[in-house]
Structure formats: C-alpha cells, structure tokens
PDB file of N, CA and C in Angstrom:
ATOM      1  N   MET A   1     143.167 143.992  62.673  1.00  0.00           N
ATOM      2  CA  MET A   1     144.166 143.432  61.804  1.00  0.00           C
ATOM      3  C   MET A   1     144.709 142.124  62.371  1.00  0.00           C
ATOM      4  N   LYS A   2     144.847 142.040  63.675  1.00  0.00           N
ATOM      5  CA  LYS A   2     145.346 140.809  64.289  1.00  0.00           C
ATOM      6  C   LYS A   2     144.382 139.653  64.018  1.00  0.00           C
ATOM      7  N   PHE A   3     143.087 139.940  64.068  1.00  0.00           N
ATOM      8  CA  PHE A   3     142.076 138.921  63.790  1.00  0.00           C
ATOM      9  C   PHE A   3     142.279 138.347  62.391  1.00  0.00           C
ATOM     10  N   ALA A   4     142.436 139.219  61.403  1.00  0.00           N
ATOM     11  CA  ALA A   4     142.617 138.776  60.014  1.00  0.00           C
ATOM     12  C   ALA A   4     143.895 137.958  59.866  1.00  0.00           C
ATOM     13  N   LYS A   5     144.956 138.368  60.543  1.00  0.00           N
ATOM     14  CA  LYS A   5     146.208 137.601  60.471  1.00  0.00           C
ATOM     15  C   LYS A   5     146.002 136.181  60.974  1.00  0.00           C
ATOM     16  N   ILE A   6     145.346 136.059  62.111  1.00  0.00           N
ATOM     17  CA  ILE A   6     145.104 134.731  62.690  1.00  0.00           C
ATOM     18  C   ILE A   6     144.227 133.895  61.763  1.00  0.00           C
ATOM     19  N   VAL A   7     143.167 134.493  61.253  1.00  0.00           N
ATOM     20  CA  VAL A   7     142.238 133.771  60.370  1.00  0.00           C
ATOM     21  C   VAL A   7     142.957 133.273  59.120  1.00  0.00           C
ATOM     22  N   PHE A   8     143.715 134.132  58.473  1.00  0.00           N
ATOM     23  CA  PHE A   8     144.346 133.736  57.209  1.00  0.00           C
ATOM     24  C   PHE A   8     145.520 132.784  57.417  1.00  0.00           C
ATOM     25  N   TRP A   9     146.274 132.938  58.516  1.00  0.00           N
ATOM     26  CA  TRP A   9     147.321 131.947  58.805  1.00  0.00           C
ATOM     27  C   TRP A   9     146.690 130.592  59.098  1.00  0.00           C
ATOM     28  N   THR A  10     145.629 130.588  59.885  1.00  0.00           N
ATOM     29  CA  THR A  10     144.946 129.330  60.210  1.00  0.00           C
ATOM     30  C   THR A  10     144.400 128.667  58.951  1.00  0.00           C
ATOM     31  N   ALA A  11     143.764 129.445  58.094  1.00  0.00           N
ATOM     32  CA  ALA A  11     143.208 128.904  56.849  1.00  0.00           C
ATOM     33  C   ALA A  11     144.305 128.319  55.970  1.00  0.00           C
ATOM     34  N   SER A  12     145.438 128.990  55.901  1.00  0.00           N
ATOM     35  CA  SER A  12     146.514 128.502  55.034  1.00  0.00           C
ATOM     36  C   SER A  12     147.114 127.207  55.561  1.00  0.00           C
ATOM     37  N   VAL A  13     147.340 127.131  56.851  1.00  0.00           N
ATOM     38  CA  VAL A  13     147.895 125.903  57.435  1.00  0.00           C
ATOM     39  C   VAL A  13     146.905 124.751  57.261  1.00  0.00           C
ATOM     40  N   TRP A  14     145.646 124.991  57.572  1.00  0.00           N
ATOM     41  CA  TRP A  14     144.607 123.969  57.395  1.00  0.00           C
ATOM     42  C   TRP A  14     144.579 123.498  55.939  1.00  0.00           C
ATOM     43  N   GLY A  15     144.580 124.433  55.012  1.00  0.00           N
ATOM     44  CA  GLY A  15     144.512 124.086  53.598  1.00  0.00           C
ATOM     45  C   GLY A  15     145.694 123.252  53.136  1.00  0.00           C
ATOM     46  N   VAL A  16     146.890 123.621  53.554  1.00  0.00           N
ATOM     47  CA  VAL A  16     148.076 122.845  53.171  1.00  0.00           C
ATOM     48  C   VAL A  16     147.986 121.434  53.738  1.00  0.00           C
ATOM     49  N   LEU A  17     147.555 121.312  54.991  1.00  0.00           N
ATOM     50  CA  LEU A  17     147.437 119.987  55.612  1.00  0.00           C
ATOM     51  C   LEU A  17     146.384 119.119  54.927  1.00  0.00           C
ATOM     52  N   VAL A  18     145.296 119.710  54.491  1.00  0.00           N
ATOM     53  CA  VAL A  18     144.202 118.949  53.880  1.00  0.00           C
ATOM     54  C   VAL A  18     144.460 118.663  52.398  1.00  0.00           C
ATOM     55  N   LEU A  19     145.073 119.602  51.699  1.00  0.00           N
ATOM     56  CA  LEU A  19     145.229 119.462  50.249  1.00  0.00           C
ATOM     57  C   LEU A  19     146.475 118.691  49.819  1.00  0.00           C
ATOM     58  N   THR A  20     147.555 118.788  50.559  1.00  0.00           N
ATOM     59  CA  THR A  20     148.795 118.111  50.163  1.00  0.00           C
ATOM     60  C   THR A  20     148.614 116.610  49.959  1.00  0.00           C
ATOM     61  N   PRO A  21     147.880 115.909  50.821  1.00  0.00           N
ATOM     62  CA  PRO A  21     147.700 114.466  50.592  1.00  0.00           C
ATOM     63  C   PRO A  21     147.037 114.120  49.260  1.00  0.00           C
ATOM     64  N   LEU A  22     146.295 115.052  48.665  1.00  0.00           N
ATOM     65  CA  LEU A  22     145.651 114.767  47.380  1.00  0.00           C
ATOM     66  C   LEU A  22     146.664 114.353  46.313  1.00  0.00           C
ATOM     67  N   PHE A  23     147.889 114.834  46.428  1.00  0.00           N
ATOM     68  CA  PHE A  23     148.917 114.505  45.445  1.00  0.00           C
ATOM     69  C   PHE A  23     149.427 113.072  45.583  1.00  0.00           C
ATOM     70  N   PHE A  24     149.066 112.401  46.667  1.00  0.00           N
ATOM     71  CA  PHE A  24     149.587 111.061  46.935  1.00  0.00           C
ATOM     72  C   PHE A  24     148.510 109.982  46.990  1.00  0.00           C
ATOM     73  N   ILE A  25     147.241 110.347  46.829  1.00  0.00           N
ATOM     74  CA  ILE A  25     146.159 109.359  46.981  1.00  0.00           C
ATOM     75  C   ILE A  25     145.342 109.164  45.710  1.00  0.00           C
ATOM     76  N   PHE A  26     145.862 109.596  44.575  1.00  0.00           N
ATOM     77  CA  PHE A  26     145.105 109.537  43.324  1.00  0.00           C
ATOM     78  C   PHE A  26     144.531 108.145  43.064  1.00  0.00           C
ATOM     79  N   ASP A  27     145.360 107.113  43.118  1.00  0.00           N
ATOM     80  CA  ASP A  27     144.902 105.756  42.801  1.00  0.00           C
ATOM     81  C   ASP A  27     143.940 105.193  43.843  1.00  0.00           C
ATOM     82  N   SER A  28     144.122 105.562  45.092  1.00  0.00           N
ATOM     83  CA  SER A  28     143.253 105.008  46.140  1.00  0.00           C
ATOM     84  C   SER A  28     141.833 105.569  46.078  1.00  0.00           C
ATOM     85  N   ILE A  29     141.644 106.709  45.451  1.00  0.00           N
ATOM     86  CA  ILE A  29     140.299 107.289  45.359  1.00  0.00           C
ATOM     87  C   ILE A  29     139.368 106.348  44.609  1.00  0.00           C
ATOM     88  N   GLY A  30     139.810 105.820  43.493  1.00  0.00           N
ATOM     89  CA  GLY A  30     138.983 104.903  42.709  1.00  0.00           C
ATOM     90  C   GLY A  30     138.692 103.599  43.429  1.00  0.00           C
ATOM     91  N   ARG A  31     139.627 103.150  44.257  1.00  0.00           N
ATOM     92  CA  ARG A  31     139.404 101.920  45.025  1.00  0.00           C
ATOM     93  C   ARG A  31     138.438 102.155  46.183  1.00  0.00           C
ATOM     94  N   ASN A  32     138.580 103.268  46.867  1.00  0.00           N
ATOM     95  CA  ASN A  32     137.761 103.545  48.055  1.00  0.00           C
ATOM     96  C   ASN A  32     136.398 104.142  47.728  1.00  0.00           C
ATOM     97  N   ASP A  33     136.296 104.829  46.618  1.00  0.00           N
ATOM     98  CA  ASP A  33     135.048 105.508  46.250  1.00  0.00           C
ATOM     99  C   ASP A  33     134.891 105.483  44.730  1.00  0.00           C
ATOM    100  N   PRO A  34     134.560 104.287  44.171  1.00  0.00           N
ATOM    101  CA  PRO A  34     134.486 104.160  42.710  1.00  0.00           C
ATOM    102  C   PRO A  34     133.478 105.135  42.114  1.00  0.00           C
ATOM    103  N   PRO A  35     133.602 105.459  40.863  1.00  0.00           N
ATOM    104  CA  PRO A  35     134.586 104.970  39.901  1.00  0.00           C
ATOM    105  C   PRO A  35     135.907 105.717  40.038  1.00  0.00           C
ATOM    106  N   PRO A  36     136.964 105.179  39.426  1.00  0.00           N
ATOM    107  CA  PRO A  36     138.253 105.873  39.480  1.00  0.00           C
ATOM    108  C   PRO A  36     138.195 107.208  38.736  1.00  0.00           C
ATOM    109  N   VAL A  37     139.078 108.095  39.106  1.00  0.00           N
ATOM    110  CA  VAL A  37     139.184 109.388  38.426  1.00  0.00           C
ATOM    111  C   VAL A  37     139.696 109.119  37.012  1.00  0.00           C
ATOM    112  N   THR A  38     138.977 109.610  36.020  1.00  0.00           N
ATOM    113  CA  THR A  38     139.346 109.336  34.628  1.00  0.00           C
ATOM    114  C   THR A  38     140.069 110.498  33.953  1.00  0.00           C
ATOM    115  N   HIS A  39     140.110 111.640  34.605  1.00  0.00           N
ATOM    116  CA  HIS A  39     140.771 112.813  34.025  1.00  0.00           C
ATOM    117  C   HIS A  39     141.784 113.366  35.035  1.00  0.00           C
ATOM    118  N   PRO A  40     142.982 112.781  35.068  1.00  0.00           N
ATOM    119  CA  PRO A  40     143.966 113.216  36.059  1.00  0.00           C
ATOM    120  C   PRO A  40     144.346 114.689  35.925  1.00  0.00           C
ATOM    121  N   GLY A  41     144.232 115.238  34.734  1.00  0.00           N
ATOM    122  CA  GLY A  41     144.543 116.658  34.565  1.00  0.00           C
ATOM    123  C   GLY A  41     143.606 117.550  35.361  1.00  0.00           C
ATOM    124  N   PHE A  42     142.319 117.206  35.363  1.00  0.00           N
ATOM    125  CA  PHE A  42     141.360 117.968  36.162  1.00  0.00           C
ATOM    126  C   PHE A  42     141.637 117.791  37.653  1.00  0.00           C
ATOM    127  N   TYR A  43     141.914 116.550  38.042  1.00  0.00           N
ATOM    128  CA  TYR A  43     142.159 116.238  39.455  1.00  0.00           C
ATOM    129  C   TYR A  43     143.375 117.011  39.970  1.00  0.00           C
ATOM    130  N   TYR A  44     144.508 116.835  39.285  1.00  0.00           N
ATOM    131  CA  TYR A  44     145.724 117.508  39.740  1.00  0.00           C
ATOM    132  C   TYR A  44     145.644 119.014  39.523  1.00  0.00           C
ATOM    133  N   GLY A  45     144.901 119.443  38.513  1.00  0.00           N
ATOM    134  CA  GLY A  45     144.695 120.874  38.310  1.00  0.00           C
ATOM    135  C   GLY A  45     143.958 121.498  39.485  1.00  0.00           C
ATOM    136  N   PHE A  46     142.889 120.822  39.941  1.00  0.00           N
ATOM    137  CA  PHE A  46     142.159 121.304  41.115  1.00  0.00           C
ATOM    138  C   PHE A  46     143.077 121.350  42.327  1.00  0.00           C
ATOM    139  N   ALA A  47     143.792 120.249  42.565  1.00  0.00           N
ATOM    140  CA  ALA A  47     144.650 120.172  43.748  1.00  0.00           C
ATOM    141  C   ALA A  47     145.721 121.262  43.723  1.00  0.00           C
ATOM    142  N   THR A  48     146.297 121.512  42.555  1.00  0.00           N
ATOM    143  CA  THR A  48     147.365 122.504  42.439  1.00  0.00           C
ATOM    144  C   THR A  48     146.846 123.924  42.638  1.00  0.00           C
ATOM    145  N   VAL A  49     145.730 124.251  41.999  1.00  0.00           N
ATOM    146  CA  VAL A  49     145.174 125.602  42.153  1.00  0.00           C
ATOM    147  C   VAL A  49     144.704 125.828  43.589  1.00  0.00           C
ATOM    148  N   ALA A  50     144.069 124.822  44.175  1.00  0.00           N
ATOM    149  CA  ALA A  50     143.616 124.949  45.563  1.00  0.00           C
ATOM    150  C   ALA A  50     144.810 125.137  46.498  1.00  0.00           C
ATOM    151  N   LEU A  51     145.891 124.385  46.260  1.00  0.00           N
ATOM    152  CA  LEU A  51     147.083 124.532  47.097  1.00  0.00           C
ATOM    153  C   LEU A  51     147.725 125.902  46.886  1.00  0.00           C
ATOM    154  N   ALA A  52     147.738 126.378  45.655  1.00  0.00           N
ATOM    155  CA  ALA A  52     148.302 127.705  45.377  1.00  0.00           C
ATOM    156  C   ALA A  52     147.556 128.788  46.152  1.00  0.00           C
ATOM    157  N   PHE A  53     146.250 128.627  46.287  1.00  0.00           N
ATOM    158  CA  PHE A  53     145.465 129.623  47.020  1.00  0.00           C
ATOM    159  C   PHE A  53     145.862 129.671  48.498  1.00  0.00           C
ATOM    160  N   GLN A  54     146.390 128.586  49.031  1.00  0.00           N
ATOM    161  CA  GLN A  54     146.818 128.603  50.425  1.00  0.00           C
ATOM    162  C   GLN A  54     147.980 129.577  50.604  1.00  0.00           C
ATOM    163  N   PHE A  55     148.808 129.685  49.568  1.00  0.00           N
ATOM    164  CA  PHE A  55     149.914 130.633  49.620  1.00  0.00           C
ATOM    165  C   PHE A  55     149.409 132.070  49.489  1.00  0.00           C
ATOM    166  N   VAL A  56     148.306 132.256  48.783  1.00  0.00           N
ATOM    167  CA  VAL A  56     147.658 133.573  48.751  1.00  0.00           C
ATOM    168  C   VAL A  56     147.219 133.943  50.168  1.00  0.00           C
ATOM    169  N   PHE A  57     146.639 132.975  50.885  1.00  0.00           N
ATOM    170  CA  PHE A  57     146.209 133.238  52.262  1.00  0.00           C
ATOM    171  C   PHE A  57     147.402 133.619  53.139  1.00  0.00           C
ATOM    172  N   MET A  58     148.548 132.962  52.914  1.00  0.00           N
ATOM    173  CA  MET A  58     149.756 133.295  53.689  1.00  0.00           C
ATOM    174  C   MET A  58     150.198 134.722  53.411  1.00  0.00           C
ATOM    175  N   VAL A  59     150.144 135.127  52.159  1.00  0.00           N
ATOM    176  CA  VAL A  59     150.529 136.498  51.800  1.00  0.00           C
ATOM    177  C   VAL A  59     149.586 137.492  52.468  1.00  0.00           C
ATOM    178  N   ILE A  60     148.291 137.239  52.404  1.00  0.00           N
ATOM    179  CA  ILE A  60     147.315 138.127  53.050  1.00  0.00           C
ATOM    180  C   ILE A  60     147.611 138.227  54.543  1.00  0.00           C
ATOM    181  N   ALA A  61     147.942 137.102  55.167  1.00  0.00           N
ATOM    182  CA  ALA A  61     148.200 137.085  56.610  1.00  0.00           C
ATOM    183  C   ALA A  61     149.399 137.943  56.992  1.00  0.00           C
ATOM    184  N   THR A  62     150.345 138.135  56.084  1.00  0.00           N
ATOM    185  CA  THR A  62     151.518 138.948  56.422  1.00  0.00           C
ATOM    186  C   THR A  62     151.179 140.425  56.559  1.00  0.00           C
ATOM    187  N   ASP A  63     150.176 140.894  55.820  1.00  0.00           N
ATOM    188  CA  ASP A  63     149.804 142.312  55.865  1.00  0.00           C
ATOM    189  C   ASP A  63     148.357 142.480  55.383  1.00  0.00           C
ATOM    190  N   PRO A  64     147.388 142.180  56.263  1.00  0.00           N
ATOM    191  CA  PRO A  64     145.980 142.230  55.855  1.00  0.00           C
ATOM    192  C   PRO A  64     145.526 143.584  55.317  1.00  0.00           C
ATOM    193  N   VAL A  65     146.062 144.665  55.825  1.00  0.00           N
ATOM    194  CA  VAL A  65     145.655 145.984  55.333  1.00  0.00           C
ATOM    195  C   VAL A  65     146.100 146.151  53.882  1.00  0.00           C
ATOM    196  N   ARG A  66     147.337 145.827  53.623  1.00  0.00           N
ATOM    197  CA  ARG A  66     147.886 145.972  52.271  1.00  0.00           C
ATOM    198  C   ARG A  66     147.176 145.064  51.266  1.00  0.00           C
ATOM    199  N   TYR A  67     146.869 143.841  51.688  1.00  0.00           N
ATOM    200  CA  TYR A  67     146.283 142.856  50.775  1.00  0.00           C
ATOM    201  C   TYR A  67     144.784 142.662  51.003  1.00  0.00           C
ATOM    202  N   ARG A  68     144.144 143.671  51.559  1.00  0.00           N
ATOM    203  CA  ARG A  68     142.718 143.574  51.888  1.00  0.00           C
ATOM    204  C   ARG A  68     141.866 143.187  50.682  1.00  0.00           C
ATOM    205  N   LEU A  69     142.121 143.762  49.532  1.00  0.00           N
ATOM    206  CA  LEU A  69     141.307 143.451  48.353  1.00  0.00           C
ATOM    207  C   LEU A  69     141.456 141.995  47.910  1.00  0.00           C
ATOM    208  N   MET A  70     142.575 141.358  48.240  1.00  0.00           N
ATOM    209  CA  MET A  70     142.741 139.936  47.913  1.00  0.00           C
ATOM    210  C   MET A  70     141.837 139.055  48.778  1.00  0.00           C
ATOM    211  N   MET A  71     141.262 139.640  49.817  1.00  0.00           N
ATOM    212  CA  MET A  71     140.301 138.887  50.628  1.00  0.00           C
ATOM    213  C   MET A  71     139.034 138.592  49.825  1.00  0.00           C
ATOM    214  N   LEU A  72     138.695 139.454  48.879  1.00  0.00           N
ATOM    215  CA  LEU A  72     137.469 139.247  48.089  1.00  0.00           C
ATOM    216  C   LEU A  72     137.537 137.977  47.239  1.00  0.00           C
ATOM    217  N   PRO A  73     138.603 137.754  46.438  1.00  0.00           N
ATOM    218  CA  PRO A  73     138.657 136.474  45.727  1.00  0.00           C
ATOM    219  C   PRO A  73     138.817 135.287  46.674  1.00  0.00           C
ATOM    220  N   SER A  74     139.382 135.519  47.845  1.00  0.00           N
ATOM    221  CA  SER A  74     139.510 134.445  48.837  1.00  0.00           C
ATOM    222  C   SER A  74     138.139 134.032  49.364  1.00  0.00           C
ATOM    223  N   ILE A  75     137.286 135.014  49.589  1.00  0.00           N
ATOM    224  CA  ILE A  75     135.907 134.732  50.008  1.00  0.00           C
ATOM    225  C   ILE A  75     135.191 133.957  48.908  1.00  0.00           C
ATOM    226  N   PHE A  76     135.359 134.399  47.672  1.00  0.00           N
ATOM    227  CA  PHE A  76     134.748 133.695  46.534  1.00  0.00           C
ATOM    228  C   PHE A  76     135.246 132.255  46.451  1.00  0.00           C
ATOM    229  N   GLU A  77     136.543 132.055  46.665  1.00  0.00           N
ATOM    230  CA  GLU A  77     137.126 130.709  46.614  1.00  0.00           C
ATOM    231  C   GLU A  77     136.439 129.790  47.611  1.00  0.00           C
ATOM    232  N   LYS A  78     136.238 130.264  48.820  1.00  0.00           N
ATOM    233  CA  LYS A  78     135.622 129.420  49.854  1.00  0.00           C
ATOM    234  C   LYS A  78     134.161 129.113  49.531  1.00  0.00           C
ATOM    235  N   PHE A  79     133.392 130.116  49.168  1.00  0.00           N
ATOM    236  CA  PHE A  79     131.961 129.890  48.952  1.00  0.00           C
ATOM    237  C   PHE A  79     131.657 129.224  47.610  1.00  0.00           C
ATOM    238  N   SER A  80     132.510 129.413  46.612  1.00  0.00           N
ATOM    239  CA  SER A  80     132.254 128.740  45.330  1.00  0.00           C
ATOM    240  C   SER A  80     132.444 127.236  45.474  1.00  0.00           C
ATOM    241  N   TYR A  81     133.456 126.817  46.224  1.00  0.00           N
ATOM    242  CA  TYR A  81     133.647 125.383  46.460  1.00  0.00           C
ATOM    243  C   TYR A  81     132.478 124.823  47.266  1.00  0.00           C
ATOM    244  N   ALA A  82     132.125 125.504  48.340  1.00  0.00           N
ATOM    245  CA  ALA A  82     131.039 125.023  49.201  1.00  0.00           C
ATOM    246  C   ALA A  82     129.726 124.929  48.425  1.00  0.00           C
ATOM    247  N   THR A  83     129.426 125.935  47.635  1.00  0.00           N
ATOM    248  CA  THR A  83     128.189 125.930  46.847  1.00  0.00           C
ATOM    249  C   THR A  83     128.188 124.791  45.838  1.00  0.00           C
ATOM    250  N   THR A  84     129.310 124.587  45.175  1.00  0.00           N
ATOM    251  CA  THR A  84     129.414 123.512  44.183  1.00  0.00           C
ATOM    252  C   THR A  84     129.159 122.152  44.809  1.00  0.00           C
ATOM    253  N   VAL A  85     129.780 121.896  45.951  1.00  0.00           N
ATOM    254  CA  VAL A  85     129.614 120.590  46.605  1.00  0.00           C
ATOM    255  C   VAL A  85     128.173 120.398  47.073  1.00  0.00           C
ATOM    256  N   VAL A  86     127.556 121.425  47.618  1.00  0.00           N
ATOM    257  CA  VAL A  86     126.164 121.311  48.065  1.00  0.00           C
ATOM    258  C   VAL A  86     125.248 121.018  46.877  1.00  0.00           C
ATOM    259  N   VAL A  87     125.445 121.718  45.772  1.00  0.00           N
ATOM    260  CA  VAL A  87     124.618 121.469  44.583  1.00  0.00           C
ATOM    261  C   VAL A  87     124.811 120.035  44.096  1.00  0.00           C
ATOM    262  N   LEU A  88     126.050 119.569  44.025  1.00  0.00           N
ATOM    263  CA  LEU A  88     126.309 118.192  43.592  1.00  0.00           C
ATOM    264  C   LEU A  88     125.696 117.180  44.556  1.00  0.00           C
ATOM    265  N   TYR A  89     125.731 117.477  45.838  1.00  0.00           N
ATOM    266  CA  TYR A  89     125.108 116.589  46.822  1.00  0.00           C
ATOM    267  C   TYR A  89     123.591 116.544  46.618  1.00  0.00           C
ATOM    268  N   LEU A  90     122.978 117.695  46.413  1.00  0.00           N
ATOM    269  CA  LEU A  90     121.527 117.744  46.196  1.00  0.00           C
ATOM    270  C   LEU A  90     121.121 117.018  44.916  1.00  0.00           C
ATOM    271  N   GLN A  91     122.020 116.950  43.958  1.00  0.00           N
ATOM    272  CA  GLN A  91     121.773 116.203  42.725  1.00  0.00           C
ATOM    273  C   GLN A  91     122.115 114.718  42.887  1.00  0.00           C
ATOM    274  N   LYS A  92     122.487 114.329  44.102  1.00  0.00           N
ATOM    275  CA  LYS A  92     122.877 112.952  44.428  1.00  0.00           C
ATOM    276  C   LYS A  92     124.106 112.503  43.645  1.00  0.00           C
ATOM    277  N   ARG A  93     125.024 113.445  43.423  1.00  0.00           N
ATOM    278  CA  ARG A  93     126.265 113.137  42.718  1.00  0.00           C
ATOM    279  C   ARG A  93     127.454 113.120  43.659  1.00  0.00           C
ATOM    280  N   MET A  94     127.215 113.382  44.952  1.00  0.00           N
ATOM    281  CA  MET A  94     128.250 113.301  45.980  1.00  0.00           C
ATOM    282  C   MET A  94     127.628 112.694  47.224  1.00  0.00           C
ATOM    283  N   HIS A  95     128.499 112.168  48.092  1.00  0.00           N
ATOM    284  CA  HIS A  95     128.044 111.543  49.332  1.00  0.00           C
ATOM    285  C   HIS A  95     127.933 112.579  50.451  1.00  0.00           C
ATOM    286  N   ALA A  96     127.159 112.252  51.460  1.00  0.00           N
ATOM    287  CA  ALA A  96     127.011 113.146  52.616  1.00  0.00           C
ATOM    288  C   ALA A  96     128.358 113.398  53.291  1.00  0.00           C
ATOM    289  N   ALA A  97     129.236 112.402  53.281  1.00  0.00           N
ATOM    290  CA  ALA A  97     130.554 112.563  53.905  1.00  0.00           C
ATOM    291  C   ALA A  97     131.359 113.687  53.249  1.00  0.00           C
ATOM    292  N   ASP A  98     131.078 113.965  51.985  1.00  0.00           N
ATOM    293  CA  ASP A  98     131.788 115.034  51.278  1.00  0.00           C
ATOM    294  C   ASP A  98     131.426 116.417  51.811  1.00  0.00           C
ATOM    295  N   LEU A  99     130.350 116.503  52.581  1.00  0.00           N
ATOM    296  CA  LEU A  99     129.910 117.792  53.119  1.00  0.00           C
ATOM    297  C   LEU A  99     130.747 118.252  54.312  1.00  0.00           C
ATOM    298  N   VAL A 100     131.592 117.378  54.852  1.00  0.00           N
ATOM    299  CA  VAL A 100     132.434 117.749  56.002  1.00  0.00           C
ATOM    300  C   VAL A 100     133.276 118.973  55.662  1.00  0.00           C
ATOM    301  N   PHE A 101     133.912 118.950  54.504  1.00  0.00           N
ATOM    302  CA  PHE A 101     134.784 120.061  54.138  1.00  0.00           C
ATOM    303  C   PHE A 101     134.001 121.304  53.734  1.00  0.00           C
ATOM    304  N   VAL A 102     132.742 121.121  53.356  1.00  0.00           N
ATOM    305  CA  VAL A 102     131.883 122.272  53.053  1.00  0.00           C
ATOM    306  C   VAL A 102     131.692 123.110  54.313  1.00  0.00           C
ATOM    307  N   GLY A 103     131.465 122.454  55.429  1.00  0.00           N
ATOM    308  CA  GLY A 103     131.294 123.169  56.691  1.00  0.00           C
ATOM    309  C   GLY A 103     132.530 123.966  57.055  1.00  0.00           C
ATOM    310  N   THR A 104     133.689 123.342  56.898  1.00  0.00           N
ATOM    311  CA  THR A 104     134.944 124.024  57.207  1.00  0.00           C
ATOM    312  C   THR A 104     135.163 125.209  56.277  1.00  0.00           C
ATOM    313  N   ASP A 105     134.974 124.994  54.977  1.00  0.00           N
ATOM    314  CA  ASP A 105     135.174 126.090  54.026  1.00  0.00           C
ATOM    315  C   ASP A 105     134.160 127.212  54.233  1.00  0.00           C
ATOM    316  N   SER A 106     132.928 126.865  54.566  1.00  0.00           N
ATOM    317  CA  SER A 106     131.911 127.893  54.823  1.00  0.00           C
ATOM    318  C   SER A 106     132.269 128.715  56.054  1.00  0.00           C
ATOM    319  N   LEU A 107     132.731 128.043  57.107  1.00  0.00           N
ATOM    320  CA  LEU A 107     133.160 128.763  58.314  1.00  0.00           C
ATOM    321  C   LEU A 107     134.325 129.695  57.991  1.00  0.00           C
ATOM    322  N   LEU A 108     135.304 129.184  57.257  1.00  0.00           N
ATOM    323  CA  LEU A 108     136.434 130.039  56.882  1.00  0.00           C
ATOM    324  C   LEU A 108     135.966 131.196  56.000  1.00  0.00           C
ATOM    325  N   GLY A 109     135.028 130.941  55.101  1.00  0.00           N
ATOM    326  CA  GLY A 109     134.484 132.014  54.269  1.00  0.00           C
ATOM    327  C   GLY A 109     133.834 133.108  55.107  1.00  0.00           C
ATOM    328  N   LEU A 110     133.082 132.698  56.117  1.00  0.00           N
ATOM    329  CA  LEU A 110     132.464 133.683  57.022  1.00  0.00           C
ATOM    330  C   LEU A 110     133.531 134.462  57.788  1.00  0.00           C
ATOM    331  N   LEU A 111     134.568 133.764  58.244  1.00  0.00           N
ATOM    332  CA  LEU A 111     135.659 134.442  58.954  1.00  0.00           C
ATOM    333  C   LEU A 111     136.420 135.384  58.017  1.00  0.00           C
ATOM    334  N   PHE A 112     136.515 135.027  56.740  1.00  0.00           N
ATOM    335  CA  PHE A 112     137.140 135.919  55.763  1.00  0.00           C
ATOM    336  C   PHE A 112     136.307 137.191  55.599  1.00  0.00           C
ATOM    337  N   ILE A 113     134.986 137.049  55.585  1.00  0.00           N
ATOM    338  CA  ILE A 113     134.109 138.224  55.483  1.00  0.00           C
ATOM    339  C   ILE A 113     134.298 139.125  56.700  1.00  0.00           C
ATOM    340  N   VAL A 114     134.313 138.522  57.884  1.00  0.00           N
ATOM    341  CA  VAL A 114     134.527 139.305  59.108  1.00  0.00           C
ATOM    342  C   VAL A 114     135.890 139.994  59.050  1.00  0.00           C
ATOM    343  N   SER A 115     136.906 139.278  58.595  1.00  0.00           N
ATOM    344  CA  SER A 115     138.248 139.861  58.469  1.00  0.00           C
ATOM    345  C   SER A 115     138.238 141.054  57.522  1.00  0.00           C
ATOM    346  N   PHE A 116     137.557 140.899  56.403  1.00  0.00           N
ATOM    347  CA  PHE A 116     137.471 141.988  55.428  1.00  0.00           C
ATOM    348  C   PHE A 116     136.811 143.216  56.054  1.00  0.00           C
ATOM    349  N   LEU A 117     135.725 142.990  56.771  1.00  0.00           N
ATOM    350  CA  LEU A 117     134.993 144.106  57.377  1.00  0.00           C
ATOM    351  C   LEU A 117     135.767 144.759  58.518  1.00  0.00           C
ATOM    352  N   LYS A 118     136.542 143.971  59.263  1.00  0.00           N
ATOM    353  CA  LYS A 118     137.294 144.511  60.399  1.00  0.00           C
ATOM    354  C   LYS A 118     138.605 145.169  59.991  1.00  0.00           C
ATOM    355  N   THR A 119     139.084 144.859  58.799  1.00  0.00           N
ATOM    356  CA  THR A 119     140.361 145.413  58.342  1.00  0.00           C
ATOM    357  C   THR A 119     140.100 146.719  57.608  1.00  0.00           C
ATOM    358  N   LYS A 120     140.723 147.760  58.083  1.00  0.00           N
ATOM    359  CA  LYS A 120     140.538 149.066  57.458  1.00  0.00           C
ATOM    360  C   LYS A 120     141.328 149.124  56.152  1.00  0.00           C
ATOM    361  N   SER A 121     140.812 149.890  55.207  1.00  0.00           N
ATOM    362  CA  SER A 121     141.514 150.081  53.934  1.00  0.00           C
ATOM    363  C   SER A 121     142.792 150.863  54.173  1.00  0.00           C
ATOM    364  N   ALA A 122     143.799 150.563  53.378  1.00  0.00           N
ATOM    365  CA  ALA A 122     145.043 151.327  53.451  1.00  0.00           C
ATOM    366  C   ALA A 122     144.790 152.728  52.907  1.00  0.00           C
ATOM    367  N   ALA A 123     145.548 153.699  53.407  1.00  0.00           N
ATOM    368  CA  ALA A 123     145.415 155.069  52.910  1.00  0.00           C
ATOM    369  C   ALA A 123     145.800 155.100  51.436  1.00  0.00           C
ATOM    370  N   PRO A 124     145.060 155.847  50.624  1.00  0.00           N
ATOM    371  CA  PRO A 124     145.389 155.897  49.193  1.00  0.00           C
ATOM    372  C   PRO A 124     146.787 156.465  48.968  1.00  0.00           C
ATOM    373  N   SER A 125     147.516 155.873  48.027  1.00  0.00           N
ATOM    374  CA  SER A 125     148.870 156.361  47.738  1.00  0.00           C
ATOM    375  C   SER A 125     148.789 157.634  46.901  1.00  0.00           C
ATOM    376  N   ARG A 126     149.783 158.468  47.056  1.00  0.00           N
ATOM    377  CA  ARG A 126     149.795 159.752  46.338  1.00  0.00           C
ATOM    378  C   ARG A 126     150.876 159.775  45.314  1.00  0.00           C
TER     379      ARG A 126
END
C-alpha cells in the first residue's frame, strides 16, 4: 500500500506541474509550433480533464485499498494518451519531441499496474 501511495502522489504532483502551464501558453503554441490551435474548446477541454485526473490520483493516494478500482481508469488514462501520441507520431502528425511525455506516462502507467497488483482488495462490506 505504501508503494501505491508514493506512486499516485508522485504522479499527481508531476501532472499538476506539467499540465498547469497549458492554461497560460495557448497563444505561444501557434508561434513556437505552427499552425496555431484553432479549436480552443478542445485544447482547454483536454487540459482541464487531464488536470482533473491529477486530483483523482491524489484521492487514490490517500487510501489505495479503498480506491483500488479507480486505478483501472487511471491505467487507461496513461496508456490511452501514450498510444494516441505514438500513433500520431507514426502518421507523421507529431514531432519526435512530443514523445518525451509518452515515456513518462508509460512509466507511470506501468507503476499504476504494479500498484494495482500489489494493493490488496478491501474486504467486502456486509
């Protein structure tokens, strides 16, 4: 259980640090990596949902046994993003530099799997 707490607290802090700047760099993205983002709703929607998931990780970290089943959508969150970016890269729709975060998310996804396997299920309620 201690392992899962450390993993999920680390993931949440990392995620908040990496995702929060997205709310302040919208205009610079188009200047640094054209073309500019043309659908701000999708951009901010992604940033908001991704940031919200960091709070899910914080909740899991408070009691991994109780919130063990929430580890499953957390694993999906990590690998779905990583898979999407790899596919887009293979289609030449993203740059190699974009793969940096894929490595981090994949590592966290693997650590989430280990956490899930190491955390025992809570006793069924009566």
